[in-house]
Amino acid sequence: MEPRNDREKRRTATLDKLAGTLEQAGFPHGIARVYAALTLAEGEGMATSELIEELGISKASVSNAMQFLVGTRLAERYRVRGSREAHYRIIEGVWGEILAKKFAAISHTRRLAEEAIEEIDSPHARRRLEDLHEAYAFFEKEFADAVQRWTERKSR
């Protein structure tokens, strides 16, 4: 059995990598760290005090992060018998739905680019809009196919 210190170091490194990846995907820093900690929780979830201790952040930071995560249905608050403290856990199975919504925004952007191409006289602007439209049209089709395959997979 390895020393607890080594396990804690590896866990912290994993948490930092996961949080960094979430930040690159658009999560604010503090929210990414809280989400990563909840994802890596050894039990069902974590109490506010556990998040404060593990991440070295304030109660207000936990509260702000949880307001976002609960509001976006990525996490939920739950009760632990005998505890007056808030506990939080990840809601599992939501990423497919979240990504499908993000992919739907691609269709909207493609349509806006299409409309703008019709309205713009500048050849320079038109060229940039056509580039945008081409990329978004390609990924719109690719992601639509991926969402369909994901939906079929989850329904099995």
C-alpha atoms as a PDB file:
ATOM      1  CA  MET A   1       0.000   0.000   0.000  1.00  0.00           C
ATOM      2  CA  GLU A   2       1.419   3.367  -0.968  1.00  0.00           C
ATOM      3  CA  PRO A   3       1.778   6.224   1.495  1.00  0.00           C
ATOM      4  CA  ARG A   4      -1.274   8.456   1.773  1.00  0.00           C
ATOM      5  CA  ASN A   5       0.839  11.442   0.797  1.00  0.00           C
ATOM      6  CA  ASP A   6       1.585   9.944  -2.659  1.00  0.00           C
ATOM      7  CA  ARG A   7      -2.084   9.165  -3.262  1.00  0.00           C
ATOM      8  CA  GLU A   8      -3.035  12.717  -2.292  1.00  0.00           C
ATOM      9  CA  LYS A   9      -0.419  14.138  -4.658  1.00  0.00           C
ATOM     10  CA  ARG A  10      -1.710  12.018  -7.552  1.00  0.00           C
ATOM     11  CA  ARG A  11      -5.308  12.947  -6.742  1.00  0.00           C
ATOM     12  CA  THR A  12      -4.407  16.643  -6.657  1.00  0.00           C
ATOM     13  CA  ALA A  13      -2.587  16.334  -9.993  1.00  0.00           C
ATOM     14  CA  THR A  14      -5.591  14.565 -11.529  1.00  0.00           C
ATOM     15  CA  LEU A  15      -7.949  17.200 -10.118  1.00  0.00           C
ATOM     16  CA  ASP A  16      -5.783  19.980 -11.564  1.00  0.00           C
ATOM     17  CA  LYS A  17      -5.683  18.313 -15.007  1.00  0.00           C
ATOM     18  CA  LEU A  18      -9.441  17.764 -15.059  1.00  0.00           C
ATOM     19  CA  ALA A  19     -10.128  21.321 -13.896  1.00  0.00           C
ATOM     20  CA  GLY A  20      -7.724  22.667 -16.534  1.00  0.00           C
ATOM     21  CA  THR A  21      -9.513  20.725 -19.259  1.00  0.00           C
ATOM     22  CA  LEU A  22     -12.866  22.043 -18.072  1.00  0.00           C
ATOM     23  CA  GLU A  23     -11.468  25.590 -18.110  1.00  0.00           C
ATOM     24  CA  GLN A  24     -10.349  25.101 -21.718  1.00  0.00           C
ATOM     25  CA  ALA A  25     -13.930  24.032 -22.474  1.00  0.00           C
ATOM     26  CA  GLY A  26     -15.220  27.322 -21.044  1.00  0.00           C
ATOM     27  CA  PHE A  27     -15.798  26.698 -17.334  1.00  0.00           C
ATOM     28  CA  PRO A  28     -14.664  29.512 -15.034  1.00  0.00           C
ATOM     29  CA  HIS A  29     -11.639  28.507 -12.918  1.00  0.00           C
ATOM     30  CA  GLY A  30     -13.369  28.115  -9.537  1.00  0.00           C
ATOM     31  CA  ILE A  31     -16.344  26.246 -10.962  1.00  0.00           C
ATOM     32  CA  ALA A  32     -14.022  23.912 -12.870  1.00  0.00           C
ATOM     33  CA  ARG A  33     -12.112  23.081  -9.677  1.00  0.00           C
ATOM     34  CA  VAL A  34     -15.281  22.404  -7.668  1.00  0.00           C
ATOM     35  CA  TYR A  35     -16.737  20.256 -10.457  1.00  0.00           C
ATOM     36  CA  ALA A  36     -13.473  18.313 -10.720  1.00  0.00           C
ATOM     37  CA  ALA A  37     -13.415  17.732  -6.955  1.00  0.00           C
ATOM     38  CA  LEU A  38     -17.010  16.459  -7.006  1.00  0.00           C
ATOM     39  CA  THR A  39     -16.232  14.223  -9.974  1.00  0.00           C
ATOM     40  CA  LEU A  40     -13.290  12.680  -8.113  1.00  0.00           C
ATOM     41  CA  ALA A  41     -15.123  12.359  -4.787  1.00  0.00           C
ATOM     42  CA  GLU A  42     -14.531   8.947  -3.258  1.00  0.00           C
ATOM     43  CA  GLY A  43     -18.094   8.708  -1.981  1.00  0.00           C
ATOM     44  CA  GLU A  44     -21.440   9.919  -3.238  1.00  0.00           C
ATOM     45  CA  GLY A  45     -20.435  13.568  -3.074  1.00  0.00           C
ATOM     46  CA  MET A  46     -18.803  16.128  -0.820  1.00  0.00           C
ATOM     47  CA  ALA A  47     -19.816  18.466   1.964  1.00  0.00           C
ATOM     48  CA  THR A  48     -19.163  22.190   1.743  1.00  0.00           C
ATOM     49  CA  SER A  49     -16.429  21.891   4.391  1.00  0.00           C
ATOM     50  CA  GLU A  50     -14.719  19.104   2.429  1.00  0.00           C
ATOM     51  CA  LEU A  51     -14.652  21.247  -0.719  1.00  0.00           C
ATOM     52  CA  ILE A  52     -13.265  24.176   1.273  1.00  0.00           C
ATOM     53  CA  GLU A  53     -10.525  22.022   2.775  1.00  0.00           C
ATOM     54  CA  GLU A  54      -9.562  20.164  -0.402  1.00  0.00           C
ATOM     55  CA  LEU A  55      -9.541  23.191  -2.693  1.00  0.00           C
ATOM     56  CA  GLY A  56      -8.392  25.840  -0.218  1.00  0.00           C
ATOM     57  CA  ILE A  57     -11.249  28.146  -1.140  1.00  0.00           C
ATOM     58  CA  SER A  58     -13.813  30.137   0.805  1.00  0.00           C
ATOM     59  CA  LYS A  59     -17.371  29.129   1.662  1.00  0.00           C
ATOM     60  CA  ALA A  60     -18.559  31.910  -0.650  1.00  0.00           C
ATOM     61  CA  SER A  61     -16.531  30.407  -3.524  1.00  0.00           C
ATOM     62  CA  VAL A  62     -18.127  27.017  -2.942  1.00  0.00           C
ATOM     63  CA  SER A  63     -21.554  28.650  -2.767  1.00  0.00           C
ATOM     64  CA  ASN A  64     -21.003  30.561  -6.028  1.00  0.00           C
ATOM     65  CA  ALA A  65     -19.707  27.482  -7.834  1.00  0.00           C
ATOM     66  CA  MET A  66     -22.583  25.360  -6.580  1.00  0.00           C
ATOM     67  CA  GLN A  67     -25.131  27.981  -7.577  1.00  0.00           C
ATOM     68  CA  PHE A  68     -23.842  27.651 -11.154  1.00  0.00           C
ATOM     69  CA  LEU A  69     -23.483  23.852 -11.120  1.00  0.00           C
ATOM     70  CA  VAL A  70     -26.905  23.259  -9.558  1.00  0.00           C
ATOM     71  CA  GLY A  71     -28.475  25.870 -11.860  1.00  0.00           C
ATOM     72  CA  THR A  72     -27.084  24.171 -14.956  1.00  0.00           C
ATOM     73  CA  ARG A  73     -28.104  20.710 -13.676  1.00  0.00           C
ATOM     74  CA  LEU A  74     -24.529  19.441 -13.496  1.00  0.00           C
ATOM     75  CA  ALA A  75     -24.748  18.897  -9.732  1.00  0.00           C
ATOM     76  CA  GLU A  76     -27.345  18.691  -7.019  1.00  0.00           C
ATOM     77  CA  ARG A  77     -27.610  19.324  -3.331  1.00  0.00           C
ATOM     78  CA  TYR A  78     -28.569  16.409  -1.111  1.00  0.00           C
ATOM     79  CA  ARG A  79     -29.069  15.758   2.576  1.00  0.00           C
ATOM     80  CA  VAL A  80     -27.046  13.504   4.825  1.00  0.00           C
ATOM     81  CA  ARG A  81     -28.861  12.273   7.907  1.00  0.00           C
ATOM     82  CA  GLY A  82     -27.472  13.891  11.049  1.00  0.00           C
ATOM     83  CA  SER A  83     -25.634  16.651   9.176  1.00  0.00           C
ATOM     84  CA  ARG A  84     -26.738  20.256   8.941  1.00  0.00           C
ATOM     85  CA  GLU A  85     -24.153  20.948   6.283  1.00  0.00           C
ATOM     86  CA  ALA A  86     -24.873  21.114   2.549  1.00  0.00           C
ATOM     87  CA  HIS A  87     -23.648  18.145   0.520  1.00  0.00           C
ATOM     88  CA  TYR A  88     -23.301  18.122  -3.254  1.00  0.00           C
ATOM     89  CA  ARG A  89     -22.928  15.446  -5.894  1.00  0.00           C
ATOM     90  CA  ILE A  90     -22.573  15.244  -9.638  1.00  0.00           C
ATOM     91  CA  ILE A  91     -25.703  14.473 -11.652  1.00  0.00           C
ATOM     92  CA  GLU A  92     -24.709  11.604 -13.890  1.00  0.00           C
ATOM     93  CA  GLY A  93     -25.823  11.084 -17.474  1.00  0.00           C
ATOM     94  CA  VAL A  94     -26.273  14.740 -18.464  1.00  0.00           C
ATOM     95  CA  TRP A  95     -23.260  15.326 -20.728  1.00  0.00           C
ATOM     96  CA  GLY A  96     -24.924  13.964 -23.871  1.00  0.00           C
ATOM     97  CA  GLU A  97     -27.827  16.389 -23.464  1.00  0.00           C
ATOM     98  CA  ILE A  98     -25.498  19.305 -22.694  1.00  0.00           C
ATOM     99  CA  LEU A  99     -23.322  18.612 -25.736  1.00  0.00           C
ATOM    100  CA  ALA A 100     -26.390  18.196 -27.948  1.00  0.00           C
ATOM    101  CA  LYS A 101     -27.506  21.709 -26.913  1.00  0.00           C
ATOM    102  CA  LYS A 102     -24.046  23.085 -27.661  1.00  0.00           C
ATOM    103  CA  PHE A 103     -24.097  21.404 -31.063  1.00  0.00           C
ATOM    104  CA  ALA A 104     -27.527  22.928 -31.761  1.00  0.00           C
ATOM    105  CA  ALA A 105     -25.933  26.360 -31.323  1.00  0.00           C
ATOM    106  CA  ILE A 106     -23.702  25.488 -34.279  1.00  0.00           C
ATOM    107  CA  SER A 107     -26.792  25.330 -36.512  1.00  0.00           C
ATOM    108  CA  HIS A 108     -27.848  28.754 -35.311  1.00  0.00           C
ATOM    109  CA  THR A 109     -24.420  30.240 -36.073  1.00  0.00           C
ATOM    110  CA  ARG A 110     -24.377  28.602 -39.529  1.00  0.00           C
ATOM    111  CA  ARG A 111     -27.792  30.115 -40.327  1.00  0.00           C
ATOM    112  CA  LEU A 112     -26.667  33.568 -39.156  1.00  0.00           C
ATOM    113  CA  ALA A 113     -23.571  33.358 -41.352  1.00  0.00           C
ATOM    114  CA  GLU A 114     -25.767  32.304 -44.282  1.00  0.00           C
ATOM    115  CA  GLU A 115     -28.067  35.286 -43.760  1.00  0.00           C
ATOM    116  CA  ALA A 116     -25.144  37.684 -43.400  1.00  0.00           C
ATOM    117  CA  ILE A 117     -23.579  36.427 -46.658  1.00  0.00           C
ATOM    118  CA  GLU A 118     -26.756  37.491 -48.479  1.00  0.00           C
ATOM    119  CA  GLU A 119     -26.726  40.959 -46.868  1.00  0.00           C
ATOM    120  CA  ILE A 120     -23.045  41.909 -47.059  1.00  0.00           C
ATOM    121  CA  ASP A 121     -21.557  43.708 -50.064  1.00  0.00           C
ATOM    122  CA  SER A 122     -17.901  43.650 -49.037  1.00  0.00           C
ATOM    123  CA  PRO A 123     -16.008  40.824 -50.797  1.00  0.00           C
ATOM    124  CA  HIS A 124     -13.613  40.633 -47.833  1.00  0.00           C
ATOM    125  CA  ALA A 125     -16.421  40.244 -45.303  1.00  0.00           C
ATOM    126  CA  ARG A 126     -18.207  37.798 -47.610  1.00  0.00           C
ATOM    127  CA  ARG A 127     -15.074  35.641 -47.868  1.00  0.00           C
ATOM    128  CA  ARG A 128     -14.719  35.535 -44.058  1.00  0.00           C
ATOM    129  CA  LEU A 129     -18.423  34.745 -43.649  1.00  0.00           C
ATOM    130  CA  GLU A 130     -18.228  31.977 -46.256  1.00  0.00           C
ATOM    131  CA  ASP A 131     -15.274  30.482 -44.366  1.00  0.00           C
ATOM    132  CA  LEU A 132     -17.287  30.610 -41.139  1.00  0.00           C
ATOM    133  CA  HIS A 133     -20.347  29.138 -42.884  1.00  0.00           C
ATOM    134  CA  GLU A 134     -18.354  26.298 -44.465  1.00  0.00           C
ATOM    135  CA  ALA A 135     -16.818  25.247 -41.144  1.00  0.00           C
ATOM    136  CA  TYR A 136     -20.085  25.451 -39.239  1.00  0.00           C
ATOM    137  CA  ALA A 137     -22.022  23.597 -41.952  1.00  0.00           C
ATOM    138  CA  PHE A 138     -19.465  20.782 -41.871  1.00  0.00           C
ATOM    139  CA  PHE A 139     -19.515  20.437 -38.081  1.00  0.00           C
ATOM    140  CA  GLU A 140     -23.292  20.815 -37.958  1.00  0.00           C
ATOM    141  CA  LYS A 141     -23.624  17.655 -40.069  1.00  0.00           C
ATOM    142  CA  GLU A 142     -20.888  15.762 -38.224  1.00  0.00           C
ATOM    143  CA  PHE A 143     -22.289  16.598 -34.795  1.00  0.00           C
ATOM    144  CA  ALA A 144     -25.863  15.822 -35.855  1.00  0.00           C
ATOM    145  CA  ASP A 145     -24.707  12.346 -36.832  1.00  0.00           C
ATOM    146  CA  ALA A 146     -22.813  11.982 -33.551  1.00  0.00           C
ATOM    147  CA  VAL A 147     -25.835  13.089 -31.501  1.00  0.00           C
ATOM    148  CA  GLN A 148     -28.001  10.567 -33.369  1.00  0.00           C
ATOM    149  CA  ARG A 149     -25.530   7.746 -32.653  1.00  0.00           C
ATOM    150  CA  TRP A 150     -25.316   8.829 -28.999  1.00  0.00           C
ATOM    151  CA  THR A 151     -29.114   8.871 -28.667  1.00  0.00           C
ATOM    152  CA  GLU A 152     -29.342   5.397 -30.164  1.00  0.00           C
ATOM    153  CA  ARG A 153     -26.584   4.137 -27.857  1.00  0.00           C
ATOM    154  CA  LYS A 154     -28.256   5.525 -24.719  1.00  0.00           C
ATOM    155  CA  SER A 155     -31.661   4.083 -25.657  1.00  0.00           C
ATOM    156  CA  ARG A 156     -30.257   0.515 -25.763  1.00  0.00           C
END
